[in-house]
Amino acid sequence: MTVTVWLRPIESHWTPVGTEARQGVWAENLTVTNDRRGPLSAAFDLRRDPAGIWPDLAAYTPVEVEVNGIVVFGGRLKETPGRDAEHALSVQCEGLQASLDDDMYERLYVHTDLSLWKDARSVPTANLAAYTTKWTVETAGAIVIRSTGAVAFARGGVTLDLGPSTQARRVVIEWEKSASWAGTASCYLNTDNAPLGGAGTGGTISTLSDTSVAGTYAQTLTACRYLTIFCDADTAQADTAFFRVKAVRVFGQAAYENLNESALKASTVITDALTFTPLLHPDRGRITASSFNIPSLAPGEPKTPREIVDTVNAYHDWTFQIDAAGRPIFAPRSTAPTVKIGSWSSAEVEDASSNSGEDIYTDVIVTAQTPAGDPLRVRRTNAATSARLGFTRTKQLAVASPLPADAIAAAQIADVWLAAHTATPFKGTVKLTGTTAVQDITTGAPVAPEQLLLLTDQLLHFDDRVDPDTGALGRDGRITQVTYTPATGEATIAIDNTRGDLDALLARLAVTTSQ
């Protein structure tokens, strides 16, 4: 077995440890760990003076670990604490996935939260001679601008502040109104980079005195931070007149909208997030184009690329990884195993969740509110699981953020969650040594332990286990983490298909659960 640790000091080239900085001093006690996100950590000892200055061991120096000609870990130095008594340095490395946590950014993709629109009179620069008490403004659920016997030219409206780092470039407004408007009255959209600036662009949402009682208004905008929707009239209005905004979709780019709806894809967001990870490989060829339109994504504060990726992946539960070369991967999770072990193997298996039904459900109910404040409830059933169990077991997911009234997003969340909770969970550890403990599922060829580092988030087949759901011989478990020690040739594999990671993703969407 050939194991090489490569370092690339600043403004230098890749160099094997032990060939230049201090010849003959090789990495000892090496361990490498990869998880579902790719290379996670590596650690090794160097017999060097802890008090010395070693330019090749500066913080964030790129590191690669190569075993038998295959790079199984890519990352960077994190720290090198010394041990004077042993005249050694303990070199700690973090995988390239750590780049996902380096930077933070703020981006407007699709904003739909009506609760963040505020009465225009609450804006410090509001002209209270124009925005008068002759109007009431409601922002609980739908936005309602209501006359209380409004006098001529008095205004009533709401303003949205998107924040200093975000700007709108497209808006779609769904509205309805009462029939009791008199004279010349209209509802307007004003956009600007100053609150209630008055000089901004905008347009007429509706001429209120016409016969239309509902409609949709869409406009491409000059980039702006503030949007104001207000009613104005040339004549006094009856106190029964009102204008109701049922939904507003504000887009950071016009490309995120199609036919007045969100056309934002997770793959688009992930590609954008990766522009803030310059240390990763520029290849985006392994990011699979997703098809689901994300209804809303407007964090409202700076987030790391990892947080944004996890948020949009909650709608898919796909594999997202940074491989050993720093290339990002976003693709549907594998459904067929790639490697196998069995009674012929020297592997030691510990099953930590034998015959547990805790995570099996036949039905899920997603409850939420629409942007207009109307209740939304969607129930989905897995008929195959229901037939197998012979009874109904239901989980409720209460989504705190508003979801579109068409229930498509609610159904997507339900289907993704239910697909992850239809089988008895398989959770435990596998310890193996040697090159014959694991075989390729197709060819039967032996798979070396170090190669398992590259198979995280893939399925491992157990030939000698009985599937508790079907009674068939053979069972699959998902590889969530692999730790490999070259000195002993031992690999420890963590198996977990309870999908606890999906619950973490759903937490990004402010989902609470109850049975």
Protein backbone atom coordinates (compact mmCIF):
# COMPACT_ATOMS: atom_id res chain seq x y z
CA MET A 1 0.00 0.00 0.00
CA THR A 2 1.25 3.44 -0.93
CA VAL A 3 0.01 6.41 1.10
CA THR A 4 1.08 9.97 0.28
CA VAL A 5 0.10 13.22 1.94
CA TRP A 6 0.49 16.18 -0.42
CA LEU A 7 0.81 19.83 0.65
CA ARG A 8 0.74 22.94 -1.53
CA PRO A 9 2.21 25.91 0.35
CA ILE A 10 1.28 29.41 -0.80
CA GLU A 11 2.93 30.33 -4.10
CA SER A 12 4.43 26.87 -4.40
CA HIS A 13 3.65 23.48 -5.93
CA TRP A 14 2.20 20.22 -4.65
CA THR A 15 4.87 18.45 -2.60
CA PRO A 16 4.72 15.07 -0.79
CA VAL A 17 5.26 15.37 2.94
CA GLY A 18 8.79 14.26 3.81
CA THR A 19 10.51 15.32 0.58
CA GLU A 20 11.27 19.02 0.99
CA ALA A 21 10.49 20.89 4.23
CA ARG A 22 12.06 18.14 6.30
CA GLN A 23 13.14 15.17 4.23
CA GLY A 24 12.44 11.73 5.59
CA VAL A 25 9.79 12.84 8.10
CA TRP A 26 6.62 11.12 6.95
CA ALA A 27 3.05 11.41 8.10
CA GLU A 28 2.31 8.99 10.94
CA ASN A 29 -0.96 7.80 12.52
CA LEU A 30 -2.97 9.04 9.56
CA THR A 31 -6.77 8.85 9.72
CA VAL A 32 -9.21 10.14 7.11
CA THR A 33 -12.95 10.69 7.54
CA ASN A 34 -15.47 11.46 4.81
CA ASP A 35 -19.21 11.99 5.38
CA ARG A 36 -22.29 12.68 3.27
CA ARG A 37 -20.94 16.07 2.26
CA GLY A 38 -17.61 14.61 1.09
CA PRO A 39 -14.16 14.85 2.71
CA LEU A 40 -14.67 15.90 6.33
CA SER A 41 -11.38 15.66 8.23
CA ALA A 42 -7.91 14.16 8.26
CA ALA A 43 -5.25 13.99 10.97
CA PHE A 44 -1.65 12.84 11.13
CA ASP A 45 1.52 13.31 13.17
CA LEU A 46 4.81 14.79 12.02
CA ARG A 47 8.06 14.38 13.95
CA ARG A 48 9.06 18.02 13.74
CA ASP A 49 10.14 20.56 16.32
CA PRO A 50 6.89 22.06 17.73
CA ALA A 51 8.71 25.35 18.34
CA GLY A 52 9.88 25.61 14.74
CA ILE A 53 8.43 27.70 11.92
CA TRP A 54 7.25 25.47 9.11
CA PRO A 55 6.02 27.43 6.05
CA ASP A 56 4.47 24.33 4.49
CA LEU A 57 2.19 23.96 7.53
CA ALA A 58 0.62 27.41 7.48
CA ALA A 59 -3.11 27.63 8.19
CA TYR A 60 -5.30 26.81 5.18
CA THR A 61 -2.49 25.18 3.21
CA PRO A 62 -4.17 22.85 0.68
CA VAL A 63 -3.86 19.13 1.53
CA GLU A 64 -4.54 15.95 -0.40
CA VAL A 65 -4.32 12.35 0.77
CA GLU A 66 -3.55 9.77 -1.89
CA VAL A 67 -3.86 6.02 -1.31
CA ASN A 68 -2.64 3.63 -3.98
CA GLY A 69 -2.78 6.37 -6.59
CA ILE A 70 -6.32 7.54 -5.74
CA VAL A 71 -6.98 10.89 -4.06
CA VAL A 72 -9.41 10.07 -1.25
CA PHE A 73 -9.27 13.36 0.63
CA GLY A 74 -9.00 16.99 -0.39
CA GLY A 75 -8.93 19.81 2.12
CA ARG A 76 -6.77 22.30 3.96
CA LEU A 77 -4.75 22.57 7.17
CA LYS A 78 -6.77 23.71 10.16
CA GLU A 79 -4.25 23.68 13.00
CA THR A 80 -1.01 22.00 14.10
CA PRO A 81 -0.87 21.73 17.91
CA GLY A 82 2.51 20.58 19.16
CA ARG A 83 3.55 17.91 21.68
CA ASP A 84 6.94 18.88 23.07
CA ALA A 85 7.42 15.65 25.00
CA GLU A 86 7.09 13.63 21.80
CA HIS A 87 8.80 16.22 19.59
CA ALA A 88 5.83 16.06 17.25
CA LEU A 89 3.12 18.08 15.60
CA SER A 90 -0.47 16.88 15.42
CA VAL A 91 -1.67 18.11 12.03
CA GLN A 92 -5.44 18.61 11.82
CA CYS A 93 -7.10 19.09 8.44
CA GLU A 94 -10.63 19.95 7.34
CA GLY A 95 -12.24 18.79 4.11
CA LEU A 96 -13.03 21.06 1.18
CA GLN A 97 -16.67 21.11 2.26
CA ALA A 98 -15.53 23.60 4.92
CA SER A 99 -15.47 26.18 2.11
CA LEU A 100 -19.26 26.14 2.29
CA ASP A 101 -19.01 27.87 5.69
CA ASP A 102 -16.33 30.46 4.89
CA ASP A 103 -18.39 33.32 3.49
CA MET A 104 -21.87 34.70 4.07
CA TYR A 105 -24.08 36.48 1.57
CA GLU A 106 -27.53 37.94 1.27
CA ARG A 107 -29.63 37.41 -1.81
CA LEU A 108 -33.25 38.01 -2.76
CA TYR A 109 -34.62 35.15 -4.83
CA VAL A 110 -38.39 35.12 -4.30
CA HIS A 111 -40.09 37.12 -1.53
CA THR A 112 -43.72 36.29 -0.66
CA ASP A 113 -44.12 37.13 3.04
CA LEU A 114 -46.95 39.67 3.31
CA SER A 115 -46.35 40.13 7.03
CA LEU A 116 -43.19 42.10 6.27
CA TRP A 117 -45.12 44.83 4.48
CA LYS A 118 -45.64 47.72 6.91
CA ASP A 119 -48.17 50.52 7.12
CA ALA A 120 -46.60 53.37 5.12
CA ARG A 121 -47.35 55.76 7.97
CA SER A 122 -44.84 53.88 10.14
CA VAL A 123 -41.98 54.83 7.81
CA PRO A 124 -40.00 57.67 9.45
CA THR A 125 -39.95 59.71 6.23
CA ALA A 126 -43.68 59.29 5.56
CA ASN A 127 -45.60 62.44 4.62
CA LEU A 128 -48.47 62.18 7.11
CA ALA A 129 -50.33 64.91 5.28
CA ALA A 130 -50.59 62.48 2.36
CA TYR A 131 -50.77 59.16 4.21
CA THR A 132 -53.66 59.98 6.52
CA THR A 133 -55.78 58.32 9.17
CA LYS A 134 -58.65 58.25 6.69
CA TRP A 135 -57.33 54.83 5.70
CA THR A 136 -56.74 51.73 7.76
CA VAL A 137 -54.13 49.19 6.82
CA GLU A 138 -54.23 45.50 7.76
CA THR A 139 -51.22 43.23 7.26
CA ALA A 140 -52.31 40.09 9.12
CA GLY A 141 -52.59 37.54 6.33
CA ALA A 142 -53.64 39.47 3.25
CA ILE A 143 -52.96 43.20 2.97
CA VAL A 144 -56.16 45.26 3.16
CA ILE A 145 -56.17 49.02 2.52
CA ARG A 146 -59.56 50.22 3.68
CA SER A 147 -61.26 53.60 3.44
CA THR A 148 -62.85 55.14 6.52
CA GLY A 149 -64.50 57.90 4.53
CA ALA A 150 -61.26 58.96 2.87
CA VAL A 151 -61.03 62.54 1.69
CA ALA A 152 -59.78 63.54 -1.73
CA PHE A 153 -56.09 62.92 -2.41
CA ALA A 154 -55.53 61.17 0.92
CA ARG A 155 -53.38 58.03 0.64
CA GLY A 156 -53.27 54.72 2.41
CA GLY A 157 -50.65 52.09 1.73
CA VAL A 158 -47.96 49.63 2.71
CA THR A 159 -44.19 49.59 2.19
CA LEU A 160 -41.71 46.73 1.94
CA ASP A 161 -38.05 47.23 2.82
CA LEU A 162 -35.99 44.45 1.26
CA GLY A 163 -32.85 45.43 3.14
CA PRO A 164 -29.60 47.14 2.20
CA SER A 165 -28.11 44.18 0.33
CA THR A 166 -31.07 43.03 -1.73
CA GLN A 167 -32.96 44.52 -4.64
CA ALA A 168 -36.11 43.67 -6.54
CA ARG A 169 -36.21 43.38 -10.31
CA ARG A 170 -39.65 41.88 -10.93
CA VAL A 171 -42.95 41.93 -9.03
CA VAL A 172 -46.29 40.14 -9.40
CA ILE A 173 -49.31 41.32 -7.37
CA GLU A 174 -52.59 39.43 -7.02
CA TRP A 175 -55.41 41.73 -5.87
CA GLU A 176 -59.15 42.14 -5.42
CA LYS A 177 -61.32 45.09 -4.44
CA SER A 178 -64.76 46.18 -3.38
CA ALA A 179 -67.23 47.63 -5.87
CA SER A 180 -67.81 50.81 -3.85
CA TRP A 181 -65.21 53.11 -5.39
CA ALA A 182 -66.33 56.53 -6.67
CA GLY A 183 -64.88 59.04 -9.08
CA THR A 184 -61.26 58.68 -10.11
CA ALA A 185 -59.49 56.32 -7.78
CA SER A 186 -56.49 54.05 -8.32
CA CYS A 187 -54.04 51.77 -6.57
CA TYR A 188 -50.39 52.32 -7.42
CA LEU A 189 -47.04 50.60 -7.10
CA ASN A 190 -44.08 52.83 -6.32
CA THR A 191 -40.49 51.54 -6.34
CA ASP A 192 -37.40 53.40 -5.19
CA ASN A 193 -34.14 53.18 -3.29
CA ALA A 194 -35.45 55.52 -0.61
CA PRO A 195 -38.51 54.79 1.54
CA LEU A 196 -41.55 56.57 0.08
CA GLY A 197 -39.18 58.48 -2.14
CA GLY A 198 -41.90 59.49 -4.54
CA ALA A 199 -39.49 59.83 -7.44
CA GLY A 200 -39.20 56.13 -8.07
CA THR A 201 -40.63 54.14 -10.95
CA GLY A 202 -43.81 52.15 -10.69
CA GLY A 203 -47.19 51.80 -12.24
CA THR A 204 -50.92 51.66 -11.80
CA ILE A 205 -52.02 48.35 -10.33
CA SER A 206 -55.73 49.06 -10.80
CA THR A 207 -58.02 51.93 -11.66
CA LEU A 208 -60.30 51.27 -8.73
CA SER A 209 -63.43 52.82 -10.19
CA ASP A 210 -63.55 50.41 -13.15
CA THR A 211 -65.72 47.30 -13.15
CA SER A 212 -62.94 44.75 -12.51
CA VAL A 213 -63.06 43.26 -9.03
CA ALA A 214 -59.84 41.21 -9.18
CA GLY A 215 -56.71 40.90 -11.22
CA THR A 216 -52.97 40.28 -11.43
CA TYR A 217 -50.40 43.01 -11.98
CA ALA A 218 -46.83 42.26 -13.10
CA GLN A 219 -43.93 44.59 -13.82
CA THR A 220 -40.21 44.38 -14.47
CA LEU A 221 -38.43 46.87 -12.22
CA THR A 222 -35.37 49.01 -12.15
CA ALA A 223 -33.40 47.48 -9.27
CA CYS A 224 -34.86 48.85 -6.05
CA ARG A 225 -34.86 48.28 -2.31
CA TYR A 226 -38.33 49.66 -1.39
CA LEU A 227 -41.75 48.88 -2.81
CA THR A 228 -44.91 50.74 -1.84
CA ILE A 229 -48.50 49.83 -2.69
CA PHE A 230 -50.95 52.66 -2.02
CA CYS A 231 -54.48 53.78 -2.83
CA ASP A 232 -55.22 57.35 -3.89
CA ALA A 233 -58.39 59.08 -5.01
CA ASP A 234 -59.41 62.42 -6.48
CA THR A 235 -62.71 62.32 -4.65
CA ALA A 236 -63.92 61.23 -1.21
CA GLN A 237 -64.64 57.51 -0.85
CA ALA A 238 -67.25 55.61 1.06
CA ASP A 239 -66.11 53.81 4.19
CA THR A 240 -66.98 50.49 2.57
CA ALA A 241 -64.27 50.79 -0.10
CA PHE A 242 -61.26 48.52 0.24
CA PHE A 243 -58.37 47.13 -1.81
CA ARG A 244 -57.05 43.69 -0.87
CA VAL A 245 -53.64 42.34 -1.86
CA LYS A 246 -53.89 38.55 -1.82
CA ALA A 247 -50.28 37.81 -2.77
CA VAL A 248 -47.11 39.61 -3.78
CA ARG A 249 -44.17 37.81 -5.34
CA VAL A 250 -41.02 39.91 -5.50
CA PHE A 251 -38.16 38.47 -7.56
CA GLY A 252 -34.47 39.28 -7.33
CA GLN A 253 -34.08 38.49 -11.03
CA ALA A 254 -36.67 38.51 -13.79
CA ALA A 255 -35.43 35.04 -14.78
CA TYR A 256 -36.80 33.63 -11.52
CA GLU A 257 -40.37 34.32 -12.72
CA ASN A 258 -42.44 32.72 -15.46
CA LEU A 259 -46.14 33.29 -16.16
CA ASN A 260 -46.46 35.27 -12.91
CA GLU A 261 -45.18 32.37 -10.79
CA SER A 262 -41.81 31.39 -9.36
CA ALA A 263 -39.53 29.55 -11.77
CA LEU A 264 -36.69 29.32 -9.24
CA LYS A 265 -34.91 25.96 -9.18
CA ALA A 266 -32.74 24.48 -6.43
CA SER A 267 -29.98 23.83 -8.97
CA THR A 268 -30.02 27.53 -9.89
CA VAL A 269 -29.72 28.59 -6.26
CA ILE A 270 -26.92 26.10 -5.58
CA THR A 271 -24.96 27.26 -8.61
CA ASP A 272 -25.34 30.83 -7.37
CA ALA A 273 -24.29 29.91 -3.82
CA LEU A 274 -21.12 28.29 -5.14
CA THR A 275 -19.93 31.62 -6.53
CA PHE A 276 -19.11 32.41 -2.90
CA THR A 277 -16.78 29.38 -2.58
CA PRO A 278 -13.81 30.35 -4.79
CA LEU A 279 -11.56 27.62 -3.37
CA LEU A 280 -13.73 24.88 -4.86
CA HIS A 281 -13.28 23.47 -8.35
CA PRO A 282 -15.08 25.55 -11.03
CA ASP A 283 -16.60 22.45 -12.67
CA ARG A 284 -20.39 22.56 -12.31
CA GLY A 285 -21.09 19.63 -14.62
CA ARG A 286 -22.25 17.36 -11.79
CA ILE A 287 -25.01 19.69 -10.62
CA THR A 288 -28.20 18.06 -11.90
CA ALA A 289 -30.87 20.46 -13.11
CA SER A 290 -33.90 20.25 -10.81
CA SER A 291 -37.47 20.80 -11.99
CA PHE A 292 -39.45 21.84 -8.92
CA ASN A 293 -40.20 25.57 -8.67
CA ILE A 294 -39.29 26.86 -5.21
CA PRO A 295 -42.17 29.16 -4.16
CA SER A 296 -40.24 31.41 -1.80
CA LEU A 297 -36.62 32.05 -0.82
CA ALA A 298 -35.71 35.35 0.81
CA PRO A 299 -33.52 34.71 3.89
CA GLY A 300 -33.58 38.34 5.04
CA GLU A 301 -30.10 38.14 6.54
CA PRO A 302 -26.66 36.87 5.48
CA LYS A 303 -26.36 33.09 5.23
CA THR A 304 -23.52 30.72 4.42
CA PRO A 305 -23.59 28.79 1.13
CA ARG A 306 -24.14 25.59 3.15
CA GLU A 307 -27.24 27.05 4.82
CA ILE A 308 -28.71 28.14 1.50
CA VAL A 309 -27.99 24.77 -0.12
CA ASP A 310 -29.62 22.92 2.77
CA THR A 311 -32.67 25.17 2.56
CA VAL A 312 -33.42 24.48 -1.09
CA ASN A 313 -32.50 20.80 -0.78
CA ALA A 314 -35.35 20.38 1.71
CA TYR A 315 -37.64 20.23 -1.33
CA HIS A 316 -35.64 17.33 -2.83
CA ASP A 317 -33.51 15.44 -0.28
CA TRP A 318 -30.87 14.85 -2.93
CA THR A 319 -27.18 14.12 -2.51
CA PHE A 320 -25.09 17.25 -2.15
CA GLN A 321 -21.34 16.72 -1.86
CA ILE A 322 -17.97 18.30 -2.46
CA ASP A 323 -15.74 15.52 -3.80
CA ALA A 324 -12.04 15.02 -3.06
CA ALA A 325 -11.10 17.26 -6.00
CA GLY A 326 -13.39 20.07 -4.81
CA ARG A 327 -16.09 19.49 -7.45
CA PRO A 328 -19.67 20.02 -6.26
CA ILE A 329 -22.27 17.28 -6.76
CA PHE A 330 -26.04 17.73 -6.61
CA ALA A 331 -28.06 14.77 -7.81
CA PRO A 332 -30.90 12.40 -6.81
CA ARG A 333 -29.85 9.92 -4.15
CA SER A 334 -28.88 6.48 -5.37
CA THR A 335 -31.58 3.83 -5.05
CA ALA A 336 -29.42 0.80 -5.93
CA PRO A 337 -26.39 -0.38 -3.92
CA THR A 338 -22.90 -0.11 -5.40
CA VAL A 339 -21.03 -2.42 -3.01
CA LYS A 340 -21.89 -5.39 -0.79
CA ILE A 341 -20.76 -7.44 2.20
CA GLY A 342 -22.01 -10.77 3.55
CA SER A 343 -21.27 -13.78 5.72
CA TRP A 344 -18.19 -14.40 3.58
CA SER A 345 -16.85 -11.03 4.69
CA SER A 346 -14.62 -10.28 7.67
CA ALA A 347 -16.82 -7.28 8.52
CA GLU A 348 -18.20 -6.75 12.02
CA VAL A 349 -21.73 -5.35 11.93
CA GLU A 350 -23.58 -3.66 14.77
CA ASP A 351 -27.26 -2.96 14.04
CA ALA A 352 -28.48 -0.16 16.31
CA SER A 353 -32.08 -0.11 15.10
CA SER A 354 -33.17 -3.68 14.57
CA ASN A 355 -36.90 -4.03 13.75
CA SER A 356 -37.70 -0.47 14.82
CA GLY A 357 -40.93 0.95 13.46
CA GLU A 358 -40.42 4.39 14.91
CA ASP A 359 -39.81 6.08 11.56
CA ILE A 360 -42.41 4.25 9.46
CA TYR A 361 -45.49 6.23 8.38
CA THR A 362 -48.23 5.60 5.86
CA ASP A 363 -49.59 9.15 5.74
CA VAL A 364 -48.39 12.69 6.25
CA ILE A 365 -50.41 15.87 6.62
CA VAL A 366 -48.79 19.20 5.79
CA THR A 367 -50.51 22.23 7.26
CA ALA A 368 -49.67 25.85 6.55
CA GLN A 369 -51.17 29.18 5.62
CA THR A 370 -51.26 30.80 2.23
CA PRO A 371 -49.73 34.27 1.79
CA ALA A 372 -53.29 35.63 2.12
CA GLY A 373 -53.65 33.99 5.53
CA ASP A 374 -56.03 31.23 4.43
CA PRO A 375 -55.51 27.77 5.94
CA LEU A 376 -53.84 25.13 3.77
CA ARG A 377 -53.84 21.39 4.42
CA VAL A 378 -52.52 18.58 2.22
CA ARG A 379 -52.61 14.87 3.03
CA ARG A 380 -50.51 12.31 1.15
CA THR A 381 -50.59 8.52 1.48
CA ASN A 382 -48.12 5.79 0.56
CA ALA A 383 -50.45 3.00 -0.48
CA ALA A 384 -47.72 0.33 -0.51
CA THR A 385 -46.68 1.06 3.07
CA SER A 386 -50.31 1.18 4.18
CA ALA A 387 -50.99 -2.23 2.64
CA ARG A 388 -47.88 -3.71 4.26
CA LEU A 389 -48.64 -2.41 7.75
CA GLY A 390 -52.37 -3.04 7.62
CA PHE A 391 -53.15 0.19 9.46
CA THR A 392 -52.69 3.94 9.08
CA ARG A 393 -49.92 5.81 10.87
CA THR A 394 -49.93 9.55 10.29
CA LYS A 395 -47.46 12.36 10.87
CA GLN A 396 -48.29 16.06 10.77
CA LEU A 397 -45.86 18.63 9.46
CA ALA A 398 -46.80 22.18 10.37
CA VAL A 399 -45.02 24.66 8.12
CA ALA A 400 -44.57 28.02 9.79
CA SER A 401 -43.79 29.92 6.58
CA PRO A 402 -46.56 30.66 4.05
CA LEU A 403 -47.03 28.26 1.13
CA PRO A 404 -48.81 28.91 -2.17
CA ALA A 405 -52.54 28.23 -2.25
CA ASP A 406 -52.17 25.78 -5.18
CA ALA A 407 -50.74 23.28 -2.63
CA ILE A 408 -47.96 22.19 -5.01
CA ALA A 409 -45.20 23.13 -2.57
CA ALA A 410 -47.03 21.50 0.35
CA ALA A 411 -47.41 18.30 -1.67
CA GLN A 412 -43.72 18.34 -2.59
CA ILE A 413 -42.71 18.61 1.06
CA ALA A 414 -45.12 15.82 1.97
CA ASP A 415 -43.93 13.48 -0.78
CA VAL A 416 -40.24 13.99 -0.01
CA TRP A 417 -40.79 13.41 3.70
CA LEU A 418 -43.03 10.38 3.20
CA ALA A 419 -40.58 8.73 0.80
CA ALA A 420 -37.97 8.86 3.57
CA HIS A 421 -40.25 7.21 6.15
CA THR A 422 -41.64 4.10 4.46
CA ALA A 423 -39.17 1.43 5.60
CA THR A 424 -37.72 0.07 8.82
CA PRO A 425 -34.59 2.13 9.50
CA PHE A 426 -31.21 0.47 9.31
CA LYS A 427 -28.68 2.19 11.54
CA GLY A 428 -25.37 0.99 12.89
CA THR A 429 -21.67 0.57 12.21
CA VAL A 430 -19.54 -1.76 10.12
CA LYS A 431 -15.88 -2.41 10.86
CA LEU A 432 -13.79 -4.14 8.25
CA THR A 433 -10.17 -4.86 7.43
CA GLY A 434 -8.53 -6.08 4.27
CA THR A 435 -9.18 -5.84 0.56
CA THR A 436 -11.70 -8.70 0.34
CA ALA A 437 -14.23 -7.55 2.94
CA VAL A 438 -16.29 -5.56 0.42
CA GLN A 439 -17.21 -6.42 -3.16
CA ASP A 440 -18.53 -4.49 -6.12
CA ILE A 441 -22.26 -5.27 -6.38
CA THR A 442 -22.10 -5.85 -10.15
CA THR A 443 -18.77 -7.55 -10.80
CA GLY A 444 -17.96 -9.10 -7.41
CA ALA A 445 -14.50 -7.54 -7.60
CA PRO A 446 -12.96 -6.66 -4.23
CA VAL A 447 -13.22 -3.05 -3.12
CA ALA A 448 -10.31 -1.71 -1.09
CA PRO A 449 -11.25 -0.07 2.24
CA GLU A 450 -9.85 3.33 1.19
CA GLN A 451 -12.17 3.38 -1.83
CA LEU A 452 -15.16 3.40 0.53
CA LEU A 453 -14.22 6.99 1.40
CA LEU A 454 -15.47 7.92 -2.06
CA LEU A 455 -18.81 6.11 -1.64
CA THR A 456 -20.46 8.14 1.11
CA ASP A 457 -24.22 8.65 0.64
CA GLN A 458 -24.27 5.49 -1.50
CA LEU A 459 -26.01 2.25 -0.55
CA LEU A 460 -24.20 -0.76 0.92
CA HIS A 461 -25.90 -4.14 0.45
CA PHE A 462 -25.82 -6.75 3.22
CA ASP A 463 -26.14 -10.22 1.65
CA ASP A 464 -26.76 -12.02 4.92
CA ARG A 465 -29.44 -9.75 6.44
CA VAL A 466 -33.18 -10.23 6.18
CA ASP A 467 -35.24 -7.22 5.12
CA PRO A 468 -37.81 -6.80 7.94
CA ASP A 469 -40.28 -5.09 5.61
CA THR A 470 -40.35 -7.67 2.81
CA GLY A 471 -38.89 -10.81 4.42
CA ALA A 472 -36.45 -11.12 1.53
CA LEU A 473 -32.80 -12.01 2.04
CA GLY A 474 -30.59 -8.95 1.66
CA ARG A 475 -30.84 -5.44 3.02
CA ASP A 476 -29.48 -2.04 2.04
CA GLY A 477 -28.07 0.69 4.28
CA ARG A 478 -26.85 4.15 3.36
CA ILE A 479 -23.22 5.00 4.04
CA THR A 480 -23.18 8.24 6.00
CA GLN A 481 -19.55 8.30 7.16
CA VAL A 482 -16.33 6.38 6.60
CA THR A 483 -13.19 6.61 8.74
CA TYR A 484 -10.08 4.95 7.32
CA THR A 485 -6.76 4.22 9.02
CA PRO A 486 -4.07 3.23 6.49
CA ALA A 487 -1.66 1.85 9.11
CA THR A 488 -4.10 -0.91 10.06
CA GLY A 489 -6.08 -1.05 6.82
CA GLU A 490 -9.26 -0.69 8.89
CA ALA A 491 -12.36 1.19 7.78
CA THR A 492 -15.29 2.03 10.04
CA ILE A 493 -18.54 2.69 8.20
CA ALA A 494 -21.53 4.46 9.71
CA ILE A 495 -24.86 3.26 8.30
CA ASP A 496 -27.96 5.40 8.75
CA ASN A 497 -31.07 5.53 6.58
CA THR A 498 -33.35 6.96 9.25
CA ARG A 499 -33.14 10.23 7.31
CA GLY A 500 -32.44 12.39 10.32
CA ASP A 501 -30.64 14.66 7.88
CA LEU A 502 -33.95 15.30 6.11
CA ASP A 503 -35.46 16.53 9.36
CA ALA A 504 -32.51 18.92 9.62
CA LEU A 505 -33.17 20.16 6.12
CA LEU A 506 -36.85 20.68 6.86
CA ALA A 507 -35.90 22.73 9.89
CA ARG A 508 -34.54 25.26 7.40
CA LEU A 509 -38.13 25.69 6.23
CA ALA A 510 -39.36 26.24 9.79
CA VAL A 511 -41.26 22.94 9.82
CA THR A 512 -42.50 21.58 13.13
CA THR A 513 -43.77 18.04 13.52
CA SER A 514 -46.38 16.26 15.57
CA GLN A 515 -47.86 12.77 15.44
